[in-house]
Structures are given as C-alpha cells and as structure tokens.
Amino acid sequence: VAGGRRALFEAFGLGKSVQQLEWCRII
C-alpha cells in the first residue's frame, strides 16, 4: 500500500491471495 505500484512475488502457500484482497480493500 505504501509503494502503490508493487507486486507480491511469494512462494506457494504464503497467502498471496488474501494479501491481495486486503490490499485492494484498503486501497
């Protein structure tokens, strides 16, 4: 959220989807 134009490149199973949903909710 602080960066604005950022991507989360994380390993399988670390919760990228839930992070993305929360990121979108906040924005």
mmCIF file of all heavy atoms, coordinates in Angstrom:
data_MODEL
# 
_entry.id   MODEL 
# 
loop_
_atom_site.group_PDB 
_atom_site.id 
_atom_site.type_symbol 
_atom_site.label_atom_id 
_atom_site.label_alt_id 
_atom_site.label_comp_id 
_atom_site.label_asym_id 
_atom_site.label_entity_id 
_atom_site.label_seq_id 
_atom_site.pdbx_PDB_ins_code 
_atom_site.Cartn_x 
_atom_site.Cartn_y 
_atom_site.Cartn_z 
_atom_site.occupancy 
_atom_site.B_iso_or_equiv 
_atom_site.pdbx_formal_charge 
_atom_site.auth_seq_id 
_atom_site.auth_comp_id 
_atom_site.auth_asym_id 
_atom_site.auth_atom_id 
_atom_site.pdbx_PDB_model_num 
ATOM 1   N N   . VAL A 1 1  ? 0.842   -1.201  0.000   1.00 0.00 ? 1  VAL A N   1 
ATOM 2   C CA  . VAL A 1 1  ? 0.000   0.000   0.000   1.00 0.00 ? 1  VAL A CA  1 
ATOM 3   C C   . VAL A 1 1  ? 0.880   1.254   0.000   1.00 0.00 ? 1  VAL A C   1 
ATOM 4   O O   . VAL A 1 1  ? 0.590   2.221   -0.699  1.00 0.00 ? 1  VAL A O   1 
ATOM 5   C CB  . VAL A 1 1  ? -0.976  -0.005  1.198   1.00 0.00 ? 1  VAL A CB  1 
ATOM 6   C CG1 . VAL A 1 1  ? -1.689  1.330   1.338   1.00 0.00 ? 1  VAL A CG1 1 
ATOM 7   C CG2 . VAL A 1 1  ? -1.992  -1.131  1.050   1.00 0.00 ? 1  VAL A CG2 1 
ATOM 8   N N   . ALA A 1 2  ? 1.960   1.238   0.746   1.00 0.00 ? 2  ALA A N   1 
ATOM 9   C CA  . ALA A 1 2  ? 2.854   2.397   0.816   1.00 0.00 ? 2  ALA A CA  1 
ATOM 10  C C   . ALA A 1 2  ? 3.518   2.691   -0.527  1.00 0.00 ? 2  ALA A C   1 
ATOM 11  O O   . ALA A 1 2  ? 3.713   3.847   -0.887  1.00 0.00 ? 2  ALA A O   1 
ATOM 12  C CB  . ALA A 1 2  ? 3.916   2.182   1.889   1.00 0.00 ? 2  ALA A CB  1 
ATOM 13  N N   . GLY A 1 3  ? 3.860   1.649   -1.262  1.00 0.00 ? 3  GLY A N   1 
ATOM 14  C CA  . GLY A 1 3  ? 4.548   1.845   -2.535  1.00 0.00 ? 3  GLY A CA  1 
ATOM 15  C C   . GLY A 1 3  ? 3.622   2.217   -3.671  1.00 0.00 ? 3  GLY A C   1 
ATOM 16  O O   . GLY A 1 3  ? 3.989   2.947   -4.576  1.00 0.00 ? 3  GLY A O   1 
ATOM 17  N N   . GLY A 1 4  ? 2.407   1.695   -3.636  1.00 0.00 ? 4  GLY A N   1 
ATOM 18  C CA  . GLY A 1 4  ? 1.448   1.991   -4.688  1.00 0.00 ? 4  GLY A CA  1 
ATOM 19  C C   . GLY A 1 4  ? 1.504   1.018   -5.840  1.00 0.00 ? 4  GLY A C   1 
ATOM 20  O O   . GLY A 1 4  ? 0.562   0.293   -6.084  1.00 0.00 ? 4  GLY A O   1 
ATOM 21  N N   . ARG A 1 5  ? 2.589   0.953   -6.530  1.00 0.00 ? 5  ARG A N   1 
ATOM 22  C CA  . ARG A 1 5  ? 2.735   0.075   -7.691  1.00 0.00 ? 5  ARG A CA  1 
ATOM 23  C C   . ARG A 1 5  ? 3.709   -1.046  -7.345  1.00 0.00 ? 5  ARG A C   1 
ATOM 24  O O   . ARG A 1 5  ? 4.863   -1.035  -7.765  1.00 0.00 ? 5  ARG A O   1 
ATOM 25  C CB  . ARG A 1 5  ? 3.248   0.868   -8.882  1.00 0.00 ? 5  ARG A CB  1 
ATOM 26  C CG  . ARG A 1 5  ? 2.300   1.931   -9.333  1.00 0.00 ? 5  ARG A CG  1 
ATOM 27  C CD  . ARG A 1 5  ? 2.847   2.659   -10.534 1.00 0.00 ? 5  ARG A CD  1 
ATOM 28  N NE  . ARG A 1 5  ? 1.901   3.684   -10.943 1.00 0.00 ? 5  ARG A NE  1 
ATOM 29  C CZ  . ARG A 1 5  ? 2.192   4.961   -11.025 1.00 0.00 ? 5  ARG A CZ  1 
ATOM 30  N NH1 . ARG A 1 5  ? 3.411   5.372   -10.733 1.00 0.00 ? 5  ARG A NH1 1 
ATOM 31  N NH2 . ARG A 1 5  ? 1.271   5.827   -11.391 1.00 0.00 ? 5  ARG A NH2 1 
ATOM 32  N N   . ARG A 1 6  ? 3.206   -1.994  -6.601  1.00 0.00 ? 6  ARG A N   1 
ATOM 33  C CA  . ARG A 1 6  ? 4.058   -3.087  -6.159  1.00 0.00 ? 6  ARG A CA  1 
ATOM 34  C C   . ARG A 1 6  ? 3.378   -4.422  -6.383  1.00 0.00 ? 6  ARG A C   1 
ATOM 35  O O   . ARG A 1 6  ? 2.161   -4.496  -6.471  1.00 0.00 ? 6  ARG A O   1 
ATOM 36  C CB  . ARG A 1 6  ? 4.401   -2.926  -4.678  1.00 0.00 ? 6  ARG A CB  1 
ATOM 37  C CG  . ARG A 1 6  ? 5.264   -1.682  -4.462  1.00 0.00 ? 6  ARG A CG  1 
ATOM 38  C CD  . ARG A 1 6  ? 5.844   -1.634  -3.111  1.00 0.00 ? 6  ARG A CD  1 
ATOM 39  N NE  . ARG A 1 6  ? 6.815   -0.551  -3.033  1.00 0.00 ? 6  ARG A NE  1 
ATOM 40  C CZ  . ARG A 1 6  ? 7.234   -0.037  -1.910  1.00 0.00 ? 6  ARG A CZ  1 
ATOM 41  N NH1 . ARG A 1 6  ? 6.787   -0.505  -0.758  1.00 0.00 ? 6  ARG A NH1 1 
ATOM 42  N NH2 . ARG A 1 6  ? 8.115   0.923   -1.917  1.00 0.00 ? 6  ARG A NH2 1 
ATOM 43  N N   . ALA A 1 7  ? 4.183   -5.442  -6.463  1.00 0.00 ? 7  ALA A N   1 
ATOM 44  C CA  . ALA A 1 7  ? 3.674   -6.806  -6.644  1.00 0.00 ? 7  ALA A CA  1 
ATOM 45  C C   . ALA A 1 7  ? 4.259   -7.688  -5.553  1.00 0.00 ? 7  ALA A C   1 
ATOM 46  O O   . ALA A 1 7  ? 5.357   -7.435  -5.056  1.00 0.00 ? 7  ALA A O   1 
ATOM 47  C CB  . ALA A 1 7  ? 4.079   -7.333  -8.016  1.00 0.00 ? 7  ALA A CB  1 
ATOM 48  N N   . LEU A 1 8  ? 3.512   -8.716  -5.207  1.00 0.00 ? 8  LEU A N   1 
ATOM 49  C CA  . LEU A 1 8  ? 3.974   -9.665  -4.198  1.00 0.00 ? 8  LEU A CA  1 
ATOM 50  C C   . LEU A 1 8  ? 4.370   -10.963 -4.892  1.00 0.00 ? 8  LEU A C   1 
ATOM 51  O O   . LEU A 1 8  ? 3.523   -11.694 -5.372  1.00 0.00 ? 8  LEU A O   1 
ATOM 52  C CB  . LEU A 1 8  ? 2.857   -9.933  -3.177  1.00 0.00 ? 8  LEU A CB  1 
ATOM 53  C CG  . LEU A 1 8  ? 2.314   -8.701  -2.452  1.00 0.00 ? 8  LEU A CG  1 
ATOM 54  C CD1 . LEU A 1 8  ? 1.124   -9.081  -1.584  1.00 0.00 ? 8  LEU A CD1 1 
ATOM 55  C CD2 . LEU A 1 8  ? 3.392   -8.039  -1.627  1.00 0.00 ? 8  LEU A CD2 1 
ATOM 56  N N   . PHE A 1 9  ? 5.652   -11.208 -4.975  1.00 0.00 ? 9  PHE A N   1 
ATOM 57  C CA  . PHE A 1 9  ? 6.168   -12.433 -5.569  1.00 0.00 ? 9  PHE A CA  1 
ATOM 58  C C   . PHE A 1 9  ? 6.610   -13.334 -4.426  1.00 0.00 ? 9  PHE A C   1 
ATOM 59  O O   . PHE A 1 9  ? 7.736   -13.233 -3.940  1.00 0.00 ? 9  PHE A O   1 
ATOM 60  C CB  . PHE A 1 9  ? 7.331   -12.140 -6.514  1.00 0.00 ? 9  PHE A CB  1 
ATOM 61  C CG  . PHE A 1 9  ? 6.937   -11.286 -7.690  1.00 0.00 ? 9  PHE A CG  1 
ATOM 62  C CD1 . PHE A 1 9  ? 7.226   -9.933  -7.709  1.00 0.00 ? 9  PHE A CD1 1 
ATOM 63  C CD2 . PHE A 1 9  ? 6.271   -11.845 -8.769  1.00 0.00 ? 9  PHE A CD2 1 
ATOM 64  C CE1 . PHE A 1 9  ? 6.854   -9.152  -8.796  1.00 0.00 ? 9  PHE A CE1 1 
ATOM 65  C CE2 . PHE A 1 9  ? 5.899   -11.073 -9.859  1.00 0.00 ? 9  PHE A CE2 1 
ATOM 66  C CZ  . PHE A 1 9  ? 6.190   -9.723  -9.867  1.00 0.00 ? 9  PHE A CZ  1 
ATOM 67  N N   . GLU A 1 10 ? 5.704   -14.168 -3.965  1.00 0.00 ? 10 GLU A N   1 
ATOM 68  C CA  . GLU A 1 10 ? 5.973   -15.021 -2.821  1.00 0.00 ? 10 GLU A CA  1 
ATOM 69  C C   . GLU A 1 10 ? 5.785   -16.476 -3.211  1.00 0.00 ? 10 GLU A C   1 
ATOM 70  O O   . GLU A 1 10 ? 5.113   -16.783 -4.186  1.00 0.00 ? 10 GLU A O   1 
ATOM 71  C CB  . GLU A 1 10 ? 5.022   -14.673 -1.669  1.00 0.00 ? 10 GLU A CB  1 
ATOM 72  C CG  . GLU A 1 10 ? 5.164   -13.247 -1.182  1.00 0.00 ? 10 GLU A CG  1 
ATOM 73  C CD  . GLU A 1 10 ? 4.134   -12.888 -0.135  1.00 0.00 ? 10 GLU A CD  1 
ATOM 74  O OE1 . GLU A 1 10 ? 3.360   -13.761 0.294   1.00 0.00 ? 10 GLU A OE1 1 
ATOM 75  O OE2 . GLU A 1 10 ? 4.098   -11.714 0.261   1.00 0.00 ? 10 GLU A OE2 1 
ATOM 76  N N   . ALA A 1 11 ? 6.371   -17.334 -2.426  1.00 0.00 ? 11 ALA A N   1 
ATOM 77  C CA  . ALA A 1 11 ? 6.254   -18.775 -2.668  1.00 0.00 ? 11 ALA A CA  1 
ATOM 78  C C   . ALA A 1 11 ? 4.828   -19.253 -2.450  1.00 0.00 ? 11 ALA A C   1 
ATOM 79  O O   . ALA A 1 11 ? 4.015   -18.595 -1.787  1.00 0.00 ? 11 ALA A O   1 
ATOM 80  C CB  . ALA A 1 11 ? 7.211   -19.532 -1.753  1.00 0.00 ? 11 ALA A CB  1 
ATOM 81  N N   . PHE A 1 12 ? 4.540   -20.412 -2.981  1.00 0.00 ? 12 PHE A N   1 
ATOM 82  C CA  . PHE A 1 12 ? 3.237   -21.052 -2.842  1.00 0.00 ? 12 PHE A CA  1 
ATOM 83  C C   . PHE A 1 12 ? 2.895   -21.246 -1.361  1.00 0.00 ? 12 PHE A C   1 
ATOM 84  O O   . PHE A 1 12 ? 3.739   -21.657 -0.569  1.00 0.00 ? 12 PHE A O   1 
ATOM 85  C CB  . PHE A 1 12 ? 3.271   -22.413 -3.556  1.00 0.00 ? 12 PHE A CB  1 
ATOM 86  C CG  . PHE A 1 12 ? 1.997   -23.177 -3.483  1.00 0.00 ? 12 PHE A CG  1 
ATOM 87  C CD1 . PHE A 1 12 ? 0.926   -22.845 -4.293  1.00 0.00 ? 12 PHE A CD1 1 
ATOM 88  C CD2 . PHE A 1 12 ? 1.859   -24.211 -2.587  1.00 0.00 ? 12 PHE A CD2 1 
ATOM 89  C CE1 . PHE A 1 12 ? -0.260  -23.553 -4.216  1.00 0.00 ? 12 PHE A CE1 1 
ATOM 90  C CE2 . PHE A 1 12 ? 0.684   -24.927 -2.502  1.00 0.00 ? 12 PHE A CE2 1 
ATOM 91  C CZ  . PHE A 1 12 ? -0.385  -24.593 -3.320  1.00 0.00 ? 12 PHE A CZ  1 
ATOM 92  N N   . GLY A 1 13 ? 1.669   -20.917 -1.001  1.00 0.00 ? 13 GLY A N   1 
ATOM 93  C CA  . GLY A 1 13 ? 1.202   -21.168 0.352   1.00 0.00 ? 13 GLY A CA  1 
ATOM 94  C C   . GLY A 1 13 ? 1.431   -20.064 1.361   1.00 0.00 ? 13 GLY A C   1 
ATOM 95  O O   . GLY A 1 13 ? 1.126   -20.241 2.538   1.00 0.00 ? 13 GLY A O   1 
ATOM 96  N N   . LEU A 1 14 ? 1.958   -18.926 0.941   1.00 0.00 ? 14 LEU A N   1 
ATOM 97  C CA  . LEU A 1 14 ? 2.207   -17.838 1.890   1.00 0.00 ? 14 LEU A CA  1 
ATOM 98  C C   . LEU A 1 14 ? 1.039   -16.854 1.995   1.00 0.00 ? 14 LEU A C   1 
ATOM 99  O O   . LEU A 1 14 ? 1.103   -15.897 2.757   1.00 0.00 ? 14 LEU A O   1 
ATOM 100 C CB  . LEU A 1 14 ? 3.493   -17.085 1.527   1.00 0.00 ? 14 LEU A CB  1 
ATOM 101 C CG  . LEU A 1 14 ? 4.778   -17.872 1.731   1.00 0.00 ? 14 LEU A CG  1 
ATOM 102 C CD1 . LEU A 1 14 ? 5.982   -17.057 1.304   1.00 0.00 ? 14 LEU A CD1 1 
ATOM 103 C CD2 . LEU A 1 14 ? 4.915   -18.286 3.187   1.00 0.00 ? 14 LEU A CD2 1 
ATOM 104 N N   . GLY A 1 15 ? -0.010  -17.081 1.221   1.00 0.00 ? 15 GLY A N   1 
ATOM 105 C CA  . GLY A 1 15 ? -1.205  -16.256 1.354   1.00 0.00 ? 15 GLY A CA  1 
ATOM 106 C C   . GLY A 1 15 ? -1.240  -15.033 0.463   1.00 0.00 ? 15 GLY A C   1 
ATOM 107 O O   . GLY A 1 15 ? -1.745  -13.982 0.876   1.00 0.00 ? 15 GLY A O   1 
ATOM 108 N N   . LYS A 1 16 ? -0.747  -15.160 -0.756  1.00 0.00 ? 16 LYS A N   1 
ATOM 109 C CA  . LYS A 1 16 ? -0.761  -14.018 -1.674  1.00 0.00 ? 16 LYS A CA  1 
ATOM 110 C C   . LYS A 1 16 ? -2.179  -13.542 -1.966  1.00 0.00 ? 16 LYS A C   1 
ATOM 111 O O   . LYS A 1 16 ? -2.427  -12.349 -2.043  1.00 0.00 ? 16 LYS A O   1 
ATOM 112 C CB  . LYS A 1 16 ? -0.065  -14.374 -2.995  1.00 0.00 ? 16 LYS A CB  1 
ATOM 113 C CG  . LYS A 1 16 ? 1.420   -14.592 -2.876  1.00 0.00 ? 16 LYS A CG  1 
ATOM 114 C CD  . LYS A 1 16 ? 2.053   -14.939 -4.209  1.00 0.00 ? 16 LYS A CD  1 
ATOM 115 C CE  . LYS A 1 16 ? 1.620   -16.266 -4.758  1.00 0.00 ? 16 LYS A CE  1 
ATOM 116 N NZ  . LYS A 1 16 ? 2.004   -17.441 -3.986  1.00 0.00 ? 16 LYS A NZ  1 
ATOM 117 N N   . SER A 1 17 ? -3.109  -14.474 -2.112  1.00 0.00 ? 17 SER A N   1 
ATOM 118 C CA  . SER A 1 17 ? -4.483  -14.099 -2.456  1.00 0.00 ? 17 SER A CA  1 
ATOM 119 C C   . SER A 1 17 ? -5.130  -13.268 -1.360  1.00 0.00 ? 17 SER A C   1 
ATOM 120 O O   . SER A 1 17 ? -5.744  -12.236 -1.635  1.00 0.00 ? 17 SER A O   1 
ATOM 121 C CB  . SER A 1 17 ? -5.330  -15.346 -2.726  1.00 0.00 ? 17 SER A CB  1 
ATOM 122 O OG  . SER A 1 17 ? -4.835  -16.035 -3.844  1.00 0.00 ? 17 SER A OG  1 
ATOM 123 N N   . VAL A 1 18 ? -4.995  -13.688 -0.118  1.00 0.00 ? 18 VAL A N   1 
ATOM 124 C CA  . VAL A 1 18 ? -5.597  -12.942 0.978   1.00 0.00 ? 18 VAL A CA  1 
ATOM 125 C C   . VAL A 1 18 ? -4.924  -11.580 1.141   1.00 0.00 ? 18 VAL A C   1 
ATOM 126 O O   . VAL A 1 18 ? -5.579  -10.584 1.442   1.00 0.00 ? 18 VAL A O   1 
ATOM 127 C CB  . VAL A 1 18 ? -5.593  -13.757 2.301   1.00 0.00 ? 18 VAL A CB  1 
ATOM 128 C CG1 . VAL A 1 18 ? -4.218  -13.894 2.887   1.00 0.00 ? 18 VAL A CG1 1 
ATOM 129 C CG2 . VAL A 1 18 ? -6.543  -13.144 3.301   1.00 0.00 ? 18 VAL A CG2 1 
ATOM 130 N N   . GLN A 1 19 ? -3.630  -11.516 0.868   1.00 0.00 ? 19 GLN A N   1 
ATOM 131 C CA  . GLN A 1 19 ? -2.916  -10.241 0.925   1.00 0.00 ? 19 GLN A CA  1 
ATOM 132 C C   . GLN A 1 19 ? -3.425  -9.305  -0.167  1.00 0.00 ? 19 GLN A C   1 
ATOM 133 O O   . GLN A 1 19 ? -3.646  -8.115  0.066   1.00 0.00 ? 19 GLN A O   1 
ATOM 134 C CB  . GLN A 1 19 ? -1.415  -10.462 0.756   1.00 0.00 ? 19 GLN A CB  1 
ATOM 135 C CG  . GLN A 1 19 ? -0.762  -11.179 1.915   1.00 0.00 ? 19 GLN A CG  1 
ATOM 136 C CD  . GLN A 1 19 ? 0.663   -11.530 1.621   1.00 0.00 ? 19 GLN A CD  1 
ATOM 137 O OE1 . GLN A 1 19 ? 1.497   -10.647 1.497   1.00 0.00 ? 19 GLN A OE1 1 
ATOM 138 N NE2 . GLN A 1 19 ? 0.947   -12.812 1.503   1.00 0.00 ? 19 GLN A NE2 1 
ATOM 139 N N   . GLN A 1 20 ? -3.611  -9.852  -1.356  1.00 0.00 ? 20 GLN A N   1 
ATOM 140 C CA  . GLN A 1 20 ? -4.085  -9.045  -2.475  1.00 0.00 ? 20 GLN A CA  1 
ATOM 141 C C   . GLN A 1 20 ? -5.498  -8.523  -2.211  1.00 0.00 ? 20 GLN A C   1 
ATOM 142 O O   . GLN A 1 20 ? -5.798  -7.363  -2.490  1.00 0.00 ? 20 GLN A O   1 
ATOM 143 C CB  . GLN A 1 20 ? -4.045  -9.873  -3.758  1.00 0.00 ? 20 GLN A CB  1 
ATOM 144 C CG  . GLN A 1 20 ? -4.322  -9.075  -5.003  1.00 0.00 ? 20 GLN A CG  1 
ATOM 145 C CD  . GLN A 1 20 ? -4.159  -9.916  -6.242  1.00 0.00 ? 20 GLN A CD  1 
ATOM 146 O OE1 . GLN A 1 20 ? -4.454  -11.103 -6.249  1.00 0.00 ? 20 GLN A OE1 1 
ATOM 147 N NE2 . GLN A 1 20 ? -3.687  -9.302  -7.304  1.00 0.00 ? 20 GLN A NE2 1 
ATOM 148 N N   . LEU A 1 21 ? -6.342  -9.355  -1.659  1.00 0.00 ? 21 LEU A N   1 
ATOM 149 C CA  . LEU A 1 21 ? -7.703  -8.920  -1.338  1.00 0.00 ? 21 LEU A CA  1 
ATOM 150 C C   . LEU A 1 21 ? -7.696  -7.814  -0.282  1.00 0.00 ? 21 LEU A C   1 
ATOM 151 O O   . LEU A 1 21 ? -8.444  -6.833  -0.392  1.00 0.00 ? 21 LEU A O   1 
ATOM 152 C CB  . LEU A 1 21 ? -8.539  -10.108 -0.862  1.00 0.00 ? 21 LEU A CB  1 
ATOM 153 C CG  . LEU A 1 21 ? -8.883  -11.133 -1.937  1.00 0.00 ? 21 LEU A CG  1 
ATOM 154 C CD1 . LEU A 1 21 ? -9.489  -12.377 -1.304  1.00 0.00 ? 21 LEU A CD1 1 
ATOM 155 C CD2 . LEU A 1 21 ? -9.815  -10.544 -2.980  1.00 0.00 ? 21 LEU A CD2 1 
ATOM 156 N N   . GLU A 1 22 ? -6.861  -7.955  0.711   1.00 0.00 ? 22 GLU A N   1 
ATOM 157 C CA  . GLU A 1 22 ? -6.775  -6.931  1.757   1.00 0.00 ? 22 GLU A CA  1 
ATOM 158 C C   . GLU A 1 22 ? -6.190  -5.637  1.210   1.00 0.00 ? 22 GLU A C   1 
ATOM 159 O O   . GLU A 1 22 ? -6.649  -4.536  1.523   1.00 0.00 ? 22 GLU A O   1 
ATOM 160 C CB  . GLU A 1 22 ? -5.946  -7.450  2.937   1.00 0.00 ? 22 GLU A CB  1 
ATOM 161 C CG  . GLU A 1 22 ? -5.845  -6.506  4.100   1.00 0.00 ? 22 GLU A CG  1 
ATOM 162 C CD  . GLU A 1 22 ? -7.170  -6.205  4.778   1.00 0.00 ? 22 GLU A CD  1 
ATOM 163 O OE1 . GLU A 1 22 ? -8.217  -6.788  4.421   1.00 0.00 ? 22 GLU A OE1 1 
ATOM 164 O OE2 . GLU A 1 22 ? -7.169  -5.361  5.698   1.00 0.00 ? 22 GLU A OE2 1 
ATOM 165 N N   . TRP A 1 23 ? -5.191  -5.769  0.370   1.00 0.00 ? 23 TRP A N   1 
ATOM 166 C CA  . TRP A 1 23 ? -4.562  -4.622  -0.276  1.00 0.00 ? 23 TRP A CA  1 
ATOM 167 C C   . TRP A 1 23 ? -5.620  -3.866  -1.086  1.00 0.00 ? 23 TRP A C   1 
ATOM 168 O O   . TRP A 1 23 ? -5.744  -2.641  -0.967  1.00 0.00 ? 23 TRP A O   1 
ATOM 169 C CB  . TRP A 1 23 ? -3.462  -5.169  -1.161  1.00 0.00 ? 23 TRP A CB  1 
ATOM 170 C CG  . TRP A 1 23 ? -2.629  -4.262  -1.977  1.00 0.00 ? 23 TRP A CG  1 
ATOM 171 C CD1 . TRP A 1 23 ? -2.625  -2.904  -1.997  1.00 0.00 ? 23 TRP A CD1 1 
ATOM 172 C CD2 . TRP A 1 23 ? -1.637  -4.666  -2.916  1.00 0.00 ? 23 TRP A CD2 1 
ATOM 173 N NE1 . TRP A 1 23 ? -1.689  -2.451  -2.888  1.00 0.00 ? 23 TRP A NE1 1 
ATOM 174 C CE2 . TRP A 1 23 ? -1.074  -3.509  -3.459  1.00 0.00 ? 23 TRP A CE2 1 
ATOM 175 C CE3 . TRP A 1 23 ? -1.179  -5.894  -3.343  1.00 0.00 ? 23 TRP A CE3 1 
ATOM 176 C CZ2 . TRP A 1 23 ? -0.066  -3.560  -4.427  1.00 0.00 ? 23 TRP A CZ2 1 
ATOM 177 C CZ3 . TRP A 1 23 ? -0.180  -5.921  -4.295  1.00 0.00 ? 23 TRP A CZ3 1 
ATOM 178 C CH2 . TRP A 1 23 ? 0.367   -4.775  -4.815  1.00 0.00 ? 23 TRP A CH2 1 
ATOM 179 N N   . CYS A 1 24 ? -6.406  -4.589  -1.860  1.00 0.00 ? 24 CYS A N   1 
ATOM 180 C CA  . CYS A 1 24 ? -7.467  -3.962  -2.666  1.00 0.00 ? 24 CYS A CA  1 
ATOM 181 C C   . CYS A 1 24 ? -8.545  -3.335  -1.782  1.00 0.00 ? 24 CYS A C   1 
ATOM 182 O O   . CYS A 1 24 ? -9.046  -2.252  -2.087  1.00 0.00 ? 24 CYS A O   1 
ATOM 183 C CB  . CYS A 1 24 ? -8.090  -4.979  -3.614  1.00 0.00 ? 24 CYS A CB  1 
ATOM 184 S SG  . CYS A 1 24 ? -7.032  -5.403  -4.994  1.00 0.00 ? 24 CYS A SG  1 
ATOM 185 N N   . ARG A 1 25 ? -8.910  -3.992  -0.705  1.00 0.00 ? 25 ARG A N   1 
ATOM 186 C CA  . ARG A 1 25 ? -9.925  -3.432  0.196   1.00 0.00 ? 25 ARG A CA  1 
ATOM 187 C C   . ARG A 1 25 ? -9.477  -2.087  0.750   1.00 0.00 ? 25 ARG A C   1 
ATOM 188 O O   . ARG A 1 25 ? -10.216 -1.099  0.720   1.00 0.00 ? 25 ARG A O   1 
ATOM 189 C CB  . ARG A 1 25 ? -10.202 -4.392  1.359   1.00 0.00 ? 25 ARG A CB  1 
ATOM 190 C CG  . ARG A 1 25 ? -11.287 -3.863  2.321   1.00 0.00 ? 25 ARG A CG  1 
ATOM 191 C CD  . ARG A 1 25 ? -11.336 -4.650  3.606   1.00 0.00 ? 25 ARG A CD  1 
ATOM 192 N NE  . ARG A 1 25 ? -10.149 -4.516  4.437   1.00 0.00 ? 25 ARG A NE  1 
ATOM 193 C CZ  . ARG A 1 25 ? -9.889  -3.469  5.233   1.00 0.00 ? 25 ARG A CZ  1 
ATOM 194 N NH1 . ARG A 1 25 ? -10.725 -2.447  5.295   1.00 0.00 ? 25 ARG A NH1 1 
ATOM 195 N NH2 . ARG A 1 25 ? -8.794  -3.444  5.964   1.00 0.00 ? 25 ARG A NH2 1 
ATOM 196 N N   . ILE A 1 26 ? -8.249  -2.026  1.207   1.00 0.00 ? 26 ILE A N   1 
ATOM 197 C CA  . ILE A 1 26 ? -7.717  -0.790  1.787   1.00 0.00 ? 26 ILE A CA  1 
ATOM 198 C C   . ILE A 1 26 ? -7.651  0.316   0.750   1.00 0.00 ? 26 ILE A C   1 
ATOM 199 O O   . ILE A 1 26 ? -8.073  1.451   0.989   1.00 0.00 ? 26 ILE A O   1 
ATOM 200 C CB  . ILE A 1 26 ? -6.331  -1.047  2.418   1.00 0.00 ? 26 ILE A CB  1 
ATOM 201 C CG1 . ILE A 1 26 ? -6.483  -1.951  3.646   1.00 0.00 ? 26 ILE A CG1 1 
ATOM 202 C CG2 . ILE A 1 26 ? -5.641  0.259   2.788   1.00 0.00 ? 26 ILE A CG2 1 
ATOM 203 C CD1 . ILE A 1 26 ? -5.184  -2.520  4.167   1.00 0.00 ? 26 ILE A CD1 1 
ATOM 204 N N   . ILE A 1 27 ? -7.141  -0.018  -0.430  1.00 0.00 ? 27 ILE A N   1 
ATOM 205 C CA  . ILE A 1 27 ? -6.997  0.998   -1.480  1.00 0.00 ? 27 ILE A CA  1 
ATOM 206 C C   . ILE A 1 27 ? -8.351  1.491   -1.969  1.00 0.00 ? 27 ILE A C   1 
ATOM 207 O O   . ILE A 1 27 ? -8.559  2.694   -2.136  1.00 0.00 ? 27 ILE A O   1 
ATOM 208 C CB  . ILE A 1 27 ? -6.131  0.455   -2.633  1.00 0.00 ? 27 ILE A CB  1 
ATOM 209 C CG1 . ILE A 1 27 ? -4.682  0.295   -2.146  1.00 0.00 ? 27 ILE A CG1 1 
ATOM 210 C CG2 . ILE A 1 27 ? -6.190  1.376   -3.848  1.00 0.00 ? 27 ILE A CG2 1 
ATOM 211 C CD1 . ILE A 1 27 ? -3.769  -0.400  -3.114  1.00 0.00 ? 27 ILE A CD1 1 
# 
